[in-house]
Structure formats: C-alpha cells, structure tokens
Amino acid sequence: MTKDYEQLWKGVTHITDEAQAVRALADILADNEGRRFVSRLGGKDAELCIEILDDVSRDLHFPPSPP
C-alpha cells in the first residue's frame, strides 16, 4: 500500500502536540519515498520540518536535567 505523503504531511502541520508531530514526521521519513517527499518541501513547510527535527535533535543531545 502506497502512503499518501501529502496527506500525512498535512496531518503534521495541523498537530499541536509536539510528540505526535514527531511521530507523524517519523512515519513519513521511514522510507525512501517519504524522505524524497520531505526533501522537496519548500517555504513554511520546510521551515516547520527543520524545526521539528531540530527539537528532536536537541533532545537527543541535551537530556532533561534531573528534578
């Protein structure tokens, strides 16, 4: 079954919960077709994608401080 990357991306852009947005983006990036789709994003969509990936990357490098 072929994924509808445009529809999946539209979901990412309308999700307000950051963790859900990351999971939805990961679903797109899970295969070559999805990565190609993301590489063709432009304008505000590209900015949003980079922002989501930057947030994930930052969390990987800087774990939360202990309480």
Protein backbone atom coordinates (compact mmCIF):
# COMPACT_ATOMS: atom_id res chain seq x y z
CA MET A 1 0.00 0.00 0.00
CA THR A 2 1.36 3.40 -1.02
CA LYS A 3 1.41 6.15 1.57
CA ASP A 4 -0.17 9.49 0.78
CA TYR A 5 2.72 11.69 1.89
CA GLU A 6 0.87 14.90 1.12
CA GLN A 7 -1.95 13.85 3.45
CA LEU A 8 0.50 12.65 6.11
CA TRP A 9 2.35 15.98 5.93
CA LYS A 10 -0.92 17.89 6.19
CA GLY A 11 -1.50 15.98 9.42
CA VAL A 12 1.91 17.01 10.73
CA THR A 13 1.17 20.66 10.03
CA HIS A 14 -2.11 20.56 11.96
CA ILE A 15 -0.95 18.62 15.04
CA THR A 16 -0.50 20.79 18.11
CA ASP A 17 1.13 18.13 20.31
CA GLU A 18 4.87 18.08 19.62
CA ALA A 19 5.30 14.36 20.34
CA GLN A 20 2.51 13.48 17.90
CA ALA A 21 4.05 15.71 15.23
CA VAL A 22 7.38 13.94 15.66
CA ARG A 23 5.73 10.53 15.33
CA ALA A 24 3.83 11.62 12.22
CA LEU A 25 7.01 13.01 10.64
CA ALA A 26 8.87 9.81 11.52
CA ASP A 27 6.16 7.86 9.67
CA ILE A 28 6.90 9.94 6.57
CA LEU A 29 10.68 9.60 6.94
CA ALA A 30 10.50 5.84 7.45
CA ASP A 31 11.10 5.05 3.79
CA ASN A 32 12.88 6.43 0.73
CA GLU A 33 9.71 7.81 -0.90
CA GLY A 34 8.90 9.78 2.24
CA ARG A 35 12.41 11.14 2.51
CA ARG A 36 12.20 12.27 -1.12
CA PHE A 37 8.87 13.96 -0.36
CA VAL A 38 10.39 15.83 2.58
CA SER A 39 13.43 16.86 0.54
CA ARG A 40 11.09 18.64 -1.90
CA LEU A 41 9.26 20.67 0.77
CA GLY A 42 9.64 24.41 0.37
CA GLY A 43 8.90 27.59 2.23
CA LYS A 44 7.00 27.34 5.51
CA ASP A 45 6.71 23.54 5.22
CA ALA A 46 10.48 23.15 5.04
CA GLU A 47 10.89 25.51 7.99
CA LEU A 48 8.41 23.51 10.07
CA CYS A 49 10.11 20.22 9.19
CA ILE A 50 13.50 21.61 10.19
CA GLU A 51 12.06 23.00 13.41
CA ILE A 52 10.60 19.60 14.36
CA LEU A 53 13.84 17.80 13.53
CA ASP A 54 15.86 20.41 15.42
CA ASP A 55 13.71 19.93 18.52
CA VAL A 56 14.22 16.17 18.36
CA SER A 57 17.95 16.56 17.77
CA ARG A 58 18.28 18.96 20.70
CA ASP A 59 16.50 16.48 22.98
CA LEU A 60 18.91 13.75 21.92
CA HIS A 61 21.97 15.85 22.73
CA PHE A 62 20.74 17.61 25.82
CA PRO A 63 18.70 15.29 28.04
CA PRO A 64 16.45 16.97 30.58
CA SER A 65 18.04 17.92 33.87
CA PRO A 66 17.19 15.69 36.82
CA PRO A 67 14.47 17.08 39.12
